[in-house]
Structure formats: C-alpha cells, structure tokens
C-alpha cells in the first residue's frame, strides 16, 4: 500500500531536550535584555551630569546640566 503516509512520532526525550533548550535560550535572552536596559538607563542619567574641575582646589565634582556654571566645589564654597 503505497498510499499510506507514515508520520514519525517524536520521543518523549526529544520534548524534554527541546524544553531545556528553550529555557536556556530564554534565560540568556533575559540576561542580555537586563544588561542592555541598565546600560541605557545609566547613559540617560549620565547625559544630564557634567564633571567640572574646581578652580580653587582642583578637585573634580559632578554638577547637573542646570547648574553647569558653578566653578567651585561644595567644600570650597
């Protein structure tokens, strides 16, 4: 009978291996997404901050974009 079609049935072990492979892939993808999100967040926070050197003592300190014209550190004021 050449008209019969044989469909191979996967073994139970193949399903277990496929589930483990999917779990490993999703964990890797989640870790990568978390790293990307933290990098983006830190870049956005750093964009609004500037490093300024104190003209009195020479120490570098961080100021916001709003108060960029400050030239003395908090200790020298």
PDB file of N, CA and C in Angstrom:
ATOM      1  N   UNK A   1       0.841  -1.177   0.000  1.00  0.00           N
ATOM      2  CA  UNK A   1       0.000   0.000   0.000  1.00  0.00           C
ATOM      3  C   UNK A   1       0.886   1.239   0.000  1.00  0.00           C
ATOM      4  N   UNK A   2       1.009   1.839  -1.106  1.00  0.00           N
ATOM      5  CA  UNK A   2       1.864   2.997  -1.249  1.00  0.00           C
ATOM      6  C   UNK A   2       1.147   4.291  -0.893  1.00  0.00           C
ATOM      7  N   UNK A   3      -0.128   4.276  -0.698  1.00  0.00           N
ATOM      8  CA  UNK A   3      -0.891   5.479  -0.404  1.00  0.00           C
ATOM      9  C   UNK A   3      -0.863   5.850   1.083  1.00  0.00           C
ATOM     10  N   UNK A   4      -0.356   4.976   1.911  1.00  0.00           N
ATOM     11  CA  UNK A   4      -0.306   5.265   3.346  1.00  0.00           C
ATOM     12  C   UNK A   4       0.862   6.211   3.637  1.00  0.00           C
ATOM     13  N   UNK A   5       0.627   7.169   4.506  1.00  0.00           N
ATOM     14  CA  UNK A   5       1.650   8.133   4.892  1.00  0.00           C
ATOM     15  C   UNK A   5       2.078   7.818   6.317  1.00  0.00           C
ATOM     16  N   UNK A   6       3.358   7.692   6.512  1.00  0.00           N
ATOM     17  CA  UNK A   6       3.874   7.420   7.846  1.00  0.00           C
ATOM     18  C   UNK A   6       4.383   8.730   8.450  1.00  0.00           C
ATOM     19  N   UNK A   7       3.853   9.082   9.582  1.00  0.00           N
ATOM     20  CA  UNK A   7       4.272  10.297  10.282  1.00  0.00           C
ATOM     21  C   UNK A   7       5.116   9.856  11.478  1.00  0.00           C
ATOM     22  N   UNK A   8       6.369  10.284  11.529  1.00  0.00           N
ATOM     23  CA  UNK A   8       7.210   9.876  12.665  1.00  0.00           C
ATOM     24  C   UNK A   8       6.738  10.565  13.951  1.00  0.00           C
ATOM     25  N   UNK A   9       6.646   9.808  14.988  1.00  0.00           N
ATOM     26  CA  UNK A   9       6.237  10.334  16.293  1.00  0.00           C
ATOM     27  C   UNK A   9       7.506  10.610  17.098  1.00  0.00           C
ATOM     28  N   UNK A  10       7.611  11.828  17.639  1.00  0.00           N
ATOM     29  CA  UNK A  10       8.792  12.184  18.421  1.00  0.00           C
ATOM     30  C   UNK A  10       8.752  11.473  19.763  1.00  0.00           C
ATOM     31  N   UNK A  11       9.917  11.165  20.228  1.00  0.00           N
ATOM     32  CA  UNK A  11      10.025  10.508  21.524  1.00  0.00           C
ATOM     33  C   UNK A  11       9.846  11.531  22.634  1.00  0.00           C
ATOM     34  N   UNK A  12       9.519  11.042  23.804  1.00  0.00           N
ATOM     35  CA  UNK A  12       9.352  11.918  24.973  1.00  0.00           C
ATOM     36  C   UNK A  12      10.664  12.617  25.313  1.00  0.00           C
ATOM     37  N   UNK A  13      11.792  11.981  25.095  1.00  0.00           N
ATOM     38  CA  UNK A  13      13.092  12.569  25.387  1.00  0.00           C
ATOM     39  C   UNK A  13      13.337  13.804  24.524  1.00  0.00           C
ATOM     40  N   UNK A  14      12.880  13.805  23.304  1.00  0.00           N
ATOM     41  CA  UNK A  14      13.056  14.948  22.427  1.00  0.00           C
ATOM     42  C   UNK A  14      12.294  16.166  22.949  1.00  0.00           C
ATOM     43  N   UNK A  15      11.111  15.952  23.508  1.00  0.00           N
ATOM     44  CA  UNK A  15      10.345  17.049  24.082  1.00  0.00           C
ATOM     45  C   UNK A  15      11.058  17.645  25.288  1.00  0.00           C
ATOM     46  N   UNK A  16      11.643  16.806  26.115  1.00  0.00           N
ATOM     47  CA  UNK A  16      12.371  17.275  27.297  1.00  0.00           C
ATOM     48  C   UNK A  16      13.585  18.089  26.872  1.00  0.00           C
ATOM     49  N   UNK A  17      14.322  17.604  25.894  1.00  0.00           N
ATOM     50  CA  UNK A  17      15.505  18.324  25.419  1.00  0.00           C
ATOM     51  C   UNK A  17      15.115  19.656  24.801  1.00  0.00           C
ATOM     52  N   UNK A  18      14.013  19.675  24.066  1.00  0.00           N
ATOM     53  CA  UNK A  18      13.558  20.926  23.454  1.00  0.00           C
ATOM     54  C   UNK A  18      13.139  21.930  24.524  1.00  0.00           C
ATOM     55  N   UNK A  19      12.491  21.478  25.578  1.00  0.00           N
ATOM     56  CA  UNK A  19      12.089  22.375  26.667  1.00  0.00           C
ATOM     57  C   UNK A  19      13.307  22.940  27.393  1.00  0.00           C
ATOM     58  N   UNK A  20      14.314  22.095  27.615  1.00  0.00           N
ATOM     59  CA  UNK A  20      15.537  22.583  28.261  1.00  0.00           C
ATOM     60  C   UNK A  20      16.248  23.607  27.382  1.00  0.00           C
ATOM     61  N   UNK A  21      16.281  23.365  26.084  1.00  0.00           N
ATOM     62  CA  UNK A  21      16.920  24.296  25.164  1.00  0.00           C
ATOM     63  C   UNK A  21      16.180  25.629  25.142  1.00  0.00           C
ATOM     64  N   UNK A  22      14.854  25.591  25.160  1.00  0.00           N
ATOM     65  CA  UNK A  22      14.065  26.830  25.190  1.00  0.00           C
ATOM     66  C   UNK A  22      14.290  27.601  26.489  1.00  0.00           C
ATOM     67  N   UNK A  23      14.347  26.885  27.609  1.00  0.00           N
ATOM     68  CA  UNK A  23      14.579  27.545  28.902  1.00  0.00           C
ATOM     69  C   UNK A  23      15.941  28.224  28.935  1.00  0.00           C
ATOM     70  N   UNK A  24      16.959  27.525  28.440  1.00  0.00           N
ATOM     71  CA  UNK A  24      18.307  28.099  28.421  1.00  0.00           C
ATOM     72  C   UNK A  24      18.346  29.341  27.525  1.00  0.00           C
ATOM     73  N   UNK A  25      17.707  29.283  26.370  1.00  0.00           N
ATOM     74  CA  UNK A  25      17.670  30.419  25.455  1.00  0.00           C
ATOM     75  C   UNK A  25      16.948  31.609  26.085  1.00  0.00           C
ATOM     76  N   UNK A  26      15.818  31.343  26.750  1.00  0.00           N
ATOM     77  CA  UNK A  26      15.065  32.461  27.346  1.00  0.00           C
ATOM     78  C   UNK A  26      15.829  33.097  28.496  1.00  0.00           C
ATOM     79  N   UNK A  27      16.561  32.302  29.272  1.00  0.00           N
ATOM     80  CA  UNK A  27      17.372  32.867  30.349  1.00  0.00           C
ATOM     81  C   UNK A  27      18.485  33.746  29.783  1.00  0.00           C
ATOM     82  N   UNK A  28      19.131  33.280  28.728  1.00  0.00           N
ATOM     83  CA  UNK A  28      20.195  34.064  28.104  1.00  0.00           C
ATOM     84  C   UNK A  28      19.641  35.366  27.543  1.00  0.00           C
ATOM     85  N   UNK A  29      18.487  35.281  26.896  1.00  0.00           N
ATOM     86  CA  UNK A  29      17.859  36.473  26.310  1.00  0.00           C
ATOM     87  C   UNK A  29      17.452  37.459  27.397  1.00  0.00           C
ATOM     88  N   UNK A  30      16.932  36.971  28.522  1.00  0.00           N
ATOM     89  CA  UNK A  30      16.531  37.856  29.617  1.00  0.00           C
ATOM     90  C   UNK A  30      17.734  38.560  30.247  1.00  0.00           C
ATOM     91  N   UNK A  31      18.833  37.839  30.425  1.00  0.00           N
ATOM     92  CA  UNK A  31      20.045  38.461  30.982  1.00  0.00           C
ATOM     93  C   UNK A  31      20.597  39.534  30.052  1.00  0.00           C
ATOM     94  N   UNK A  32      20.581  39.257  28.772  1.00  0.00           N
ATOM     95  CA  UNK A  32      21.069  40.234  27.799  1.00  0.00           C
ATOM     96  C   UNK A  32      20.183  41.473  27.781  1.00  0.00           C
ATOM     97  N   UNK A  33      18.878  41.286  27.856  1.00  0.00           N
ATOM     98  CA  UNK A  33      17.961  42.421  27.879  1.00  0.00           C
ATOM     99  C   UNK A  33      18.172  43.258  29.131  1.00  0.00           C
ATOM    100  N   UNK A  34      18.426  42.606  30.265  1.00  0.00           N
ATOM    101  CA  UNK A  34      18.655  43.339  31.510  1.00  0.00           C
ATOM    102  C   UNK A  34      19.938  44.167  31.411  1.00  0.00           C
ATOM    103  N   UNK A  35      21.004  43.601  30.813  1.00  0.00           N
ATOM    104  CA  UNK A  35      22.245  44.350  30.635  1.00  0.00           C
ATOM    105  C   UNK A  35      22.032  45.558  29.730  1.00  0.00           C
ATOM    106  N   UNK A  36      21.299  45.368  28.645  1.00  0.00           N
ATOM    107  CA  UNK A  36      21.022  46.483  27.741  1.00  0.00           C
ATOM    108  C   UNK A  36      20.214  47.571  28.443  1.00  0.00           C
ATOM    109  N   UNK A  37      19.227  47.184  29.226  1.00  0.00           N
ATOM    110  CA  UNK A  37      18.394  48.166  29.922  1.00  0.00           C
ATOM    111  C   UNK A  37      19.192  48.966  30.942  1.00  0.00           C
ATOM    112  N   UNK A  38      20.083  48.308  31.680  1.00  0.00           N
ATOM    113  CA  UNK A  38      20.892  49.042  32.658  1.00  0.00           C
ATOM    114  C   UNK A  38      21.874  49.974  31.952  1.00  0.00           C
ATOM    115  N   UNK A  39      22.414  49.549  30.817  1.00  0.00           N
ATOM    116  CA  UNK A  39      23.337  50.414  30.073  1.00  0.00           C
ATOM    117  C   UNK A  39      22.611  51.646  29.547  1.00  0.00           C
ATOM    118  N   UNK A  40      21.416  51.463  29.039  1.00  0.00           N
ATOM    119  CA  UNK A  40      20.635  52.593  28.530  1.00  0.00           C
ATOM    120  C   UNK A  40      20.270  53.538  29.667  1.00  0.00           C
ATOM    121  N   UNK A  41      19.861  52.991  30.797  1.00  0.00           N
ATOM    122  CA  UNK A  41      19.475  53.830  31.934  1.00  0.00           C
ATOM    123  C   UNK A  41      20.666  54.628  32.456  1.00  0.00           C
ATOM    124  N   UNK A  42      21.830  53.993  32.559  1.00  0.00           N
ATOM    125  CA  UNK A  42      22.996  54.723  33.055  1.00  0.00           C
ATOM    126  C   UNK A  42      23.427  55.808  32.073  1.00  0.00           C
ATOM    127  N   UNK A  43      23.289  55.555  30.768  1.00  0.00           N
ATOM    128  CA  UNK A  43      23.622  56.580  29.780  1.00  0.00           C
ATOM    129  C   UNK A  43      22.677  57.763  29.880  1.00  0.00           C
ATOM    130  N   UNK A  44      21.399  57.491  30.085  1.00  0.00           N
ATOM    131  CA  UNK A  44      20.439  58.586  30.212  1.00  0.00           C
ATOM    132  C   UNK A  44      20.696  59.421  31.459  1.00  0.00           C
ATOM    133  N   UNK A  45      21.079  58.767  32.558  1.00  0.00           N
ATOM    134  CA  UNK A  45      21.395  59.504  33.783  1.00  0.00           C
ATOM    135  C   UNK A  45      22.681  60.309  33.630  1.00  0.00           C
ATOM    136  N   UNK A  46      23.668  59.752  32.947  1.00  0.00           N
ATOM    137  CA  UNK A  46      24.949  60.436  32.791  1.00  0.00           C
ATOM    138  C   UNK A  46      24.851  61.599  31.815  1.00  0.00           C
ATOM    139  N   UNK A  47      23.862  61.592  30.951  1.00  0.00           N
ATOM    140  CA  UNK A  47      23.728  62.661  29.969  1.00  0.00           C
ATOM    141  C   UNK A  47      23.428  63.998  30.647  1.00  0.00           C
ATOM    142  N   UNK A  48      22.755  63.959  31.785  1.00  0.00           N
ATOM    143  CA  UNK A  48      22.378  65.185  32.480  1.00  0.00           C
ATOM    144  C   UNK A  48      23.421  65.641  33.496  1.00  0.00           C
ATOM    145  N   UNK A  49      24.528  64.944  33.618  1.00  0.00           N
ATOM    146  CA  UNK A  49      25.558  65.295  34.596  1.00  0.00           C
ATOM    147  C   UNK A  49      26.848  65.680  33.877  1.00  0.00           C
ATOM    148  N   UNK A  50      27.597  66.597  34.474  1.00  0.00           N
ATOM    149  CA  UNK A  50      28.867  67.050  33.909  1.00  0.00           C
ATOM    150  C   UNK A  50      29.931  67.037  34.998  1.00  0.00           C
ATOM    151  N   UNK A  51      31.171  66.717  34.599  1.00  0.00           N
ATOM    152  CA  UNK A  51      32.307  66.779  35.512  1.00  0.00           C
ATOM    153  C   UNK A  51      32.963  68.147  35.359  1.00  0.00           C
ATOM    154  N   UNK A  52      33.126  68.845  36.486  1.00  0.00           N
ATOM    155  CA  UNK A  52      33.725  70.183  36.479  1.00  0.00           C
ATOM    156  C   UNK A  52      34.889  70.171  37.455  1.00  0.00           C
ATOM    157  N   UNK A  53      35.964  70.854  37.084  1.00  0.00           N
ATOM    158  CA  UNK A  53      37.130  70.942  37.950  1.00  0.00           C
ATOM    159  C   UNK A  53      37.057  72.235  38.754  1.00  0.00           C
ATOM    160  N   UNK A  54      37.255  72.113  40.055  1.00  0.00           N
ATOM    161  CA  UNK A  54      37.199  73.277  40.941  1.00  0.00           C
ATOM    162  C   UNK A  54      38.399  74.182  40.646  1.00  0.00           C
ATOM    163  N   UNK A  55      38.131  75.466  40.540  1.00  0.00           N
ATOM    164  CA  UNK A  55      39.231  76.382  40.232  1.00  0.00           C
ATOM    165  C   UNK A  55      40.060  76.723  41.461  1.00  0.00           C
ATOM    166  N   UNK A  56      39.559  76.424  42.665  1.00  0.00           N
ATOM    167  CA  UNK A  56      40.290  76.743  43.880  1.00  0.00           C
ATOM    168  C   UNK A  56      41.196  75.585  44.325  1.00  0.00           C
ATOM    169  N   UNK A  57      40.625  74.360  44.441  1.00  0.00           N
ATOM    170  CA  UNK A  57      41.418  73.239  44.945  1.00  0.00           C
ATOM    171  C   UNK A  57      41.791  72.226  43.867  1.00  0.00           C
ATOM    172  N   UNK A  58      41.128  72.240  42.723  1.00  0.00           N
ATOM    173  CA  UNK A  58      41.477  71.346  41.624  1.00  0.00           C
ATOM    174  C   UNK A  58      40.749  70.013  41.623  1.00  0.00           C
ATOM    175  N   UNK A  59      39.880  69.779  42.601  1.00  0.00           N
ATOM    176  CA  UNK A  59      39.121  68.524  42.629  1.00  0.00           C
ATOM    177  C   UNK A  59      38.025  68.549  41.568  1.00  0.00           C
ATOM    178  N   UNK A  60      37.733  67.348  41.030  1.00  0.00           N
ATOM    179  CA  UNK A  60      36.634  67.252  40.072  1.00  0.00           C
ATOM    180  C   UNK A  60      35.366  66.874  40.825  1.00  0.00           C
ATOM    181  N   UNK A  61      34.255  67.493  40.448  1.00  0.00           N
ATOM    182  CA  UNK A  61      32.973  67.171  41.062  1.00  0.00           C
ATOM    183  C   UNK A  61      31.893  67.205  39.997  1.00  0.00           C
ATOM    184  N   UNK A  62      30.778  66.585  40.299  1.00  0.00           N
ATOM    185  CA  UNK A  62      29.688  66.439  39.344  1.00  0.00           C
ATOM    186  C   UNK A  62      28.635  67.504  39.580  1.00  0.00           C
ATOM    187  N   UNK A  63      28.198  68.129  38.502  1.00  0.00           N
ATOM    188  CA  UNK A  63      27.115  69.111  38.589  1.00  0.00           C
ATOM    189  C   UNK A  63      26.047  68.742  37.574  1.00  0.00           C
ATOM    190  N   UNK A  64      24.836  69.214  37.804  1.00  0.00           N
ATOM    191  CA  UNK A  64      23.738  68.990  36.875  1.00  0.00           C
ATOM    192  C   UNK A  64      23.886  69.909  35.674  1.00  0.00           C
ATOM    193  N   UNK A  65      23.120  69.634  34.650  1.00  0.00           N
ATOM    194  CA  UNK A  65      23.159  70.462  33.441  1.00  0.00           C
ATOM    195  C   UNK A  65      22.641  71.862  33.741  1.00  0.00           C
ATOM    196  N   UNK A  66      21.772  71.984  34.738  1.00  0.00           N
ATOM    197  CA  UNK A  66      21.178  73.278  35.088  1.00  0.00           C
ATOM    198  C   UNK A  66      22.220  74.194  35.726  1.00  0.00           C
ATOM    199  N   UNK A  67      23.022  73.636  36.636  1.00  0.00           N
ATOM    200  CA  UNK A  67      24.000  74.454  37.357  1.00  0.00           C
ATOM    201  C   UNK A  67      25.402  74.240  36.803  1.00  0.00           C
ATOM    202  N   UNK A  68      25.556  74.241  35.509  1.00  0.00           N
ATOM    203  CA  UNK A  68      26.833  73.990  34.863  1.00  0.00           C
ATOM    204  C   UNK A  68      27.820  75.133  35.084  1.00  0.00           C
ATOM    205  N   UNK A  69      27.348  76.310  35.436  1.00  0.00           N
ATOM    206  CA  UNK A  69      28.233  77.470  35.577  1.00  0.00           C
ATOM    207  C   UNK A  69      28.975  77.501  36.917  1.00  0.00           C
ATOM    208  N   UNK A  70      28.731  76.559  37.818  1.00  0.00           N
ATOM    209  CA  UNK A  70      29.447  76.516  39.096  1.00  0.00           C
ATOM    210  C   UNK A  70      30.898  76.113  38.853  1.00  0.00           C
ATOM    211  N   UNK A  71      31.810  76.822  39.458  1.00  0.00           N
ATOM    212  CA  UNK A  71      33.235  76.524  39.254  1.00  0.00           C
ATOM    213  C   UNK A  71      33.956  76.169  40.551  1.00  0.00           C
ATOM    214  N   UNK A  72      33.261  76.219  41.681  1.00  0.00           N
ATOM    215  CA  UNK A  72      33.867  75.862  42.955  1.00  0.00           C
ATOM    216  C   UNK A  72      33.124  74.662  43.526  1.00  0.00           C
ATOM    217  N   UNK A  73      33.903  73.731  44.100  1.00  0.00           N
ATOM    218  CA  UNK A  73      33.301  72.527  44.679  1.00  0.00           C
ATOM    219  C   UNK A  73      32.559  72.880  45.965  1.00  0.00           C
ATOM    220  N   UNK A  74      31.713  72.023  46.473  1.00  0.00           N
ATOM    221  CA  UNK A  74      30.956  72.313  47.698  1.00  0.00           C
ATOM    222  C   UNK A  74      31.847  72.549  48.925  1.00  0.00           C
ATOM    223  N   UNK A  75      33.036  71.943  48.958  1.00  0.00           N
ATOM    224  CA  UNK A  75      33.939  72.132  50.101  1.00  0.00           C
ATOM    225  C   UNK A  75      34.585  73.511  50.085  1.00  0.00           C
ATOM    226  N   UNK A  76      34.807  74.086  48.915  1.00  0.00           N
ATOM    227  CA  UNK A  76      35.476  75.389  48.801  1.00  0.00           C
ATOM    228  C   UNK A  76      34.496  76.572  48.895  1.00  0.00           C
ATOM    229  N   UNK A  77      33.243  76.353  48.808  1.00  0.00           N
ATOM    230  CA  UNK A  77      32.294  77.462  48.832  1.00  0.00           C
ATOM    231  C   UNK A  77      32.154  78.070  50.175  1.00  0.00           C
TER     232      UNK A  77
END
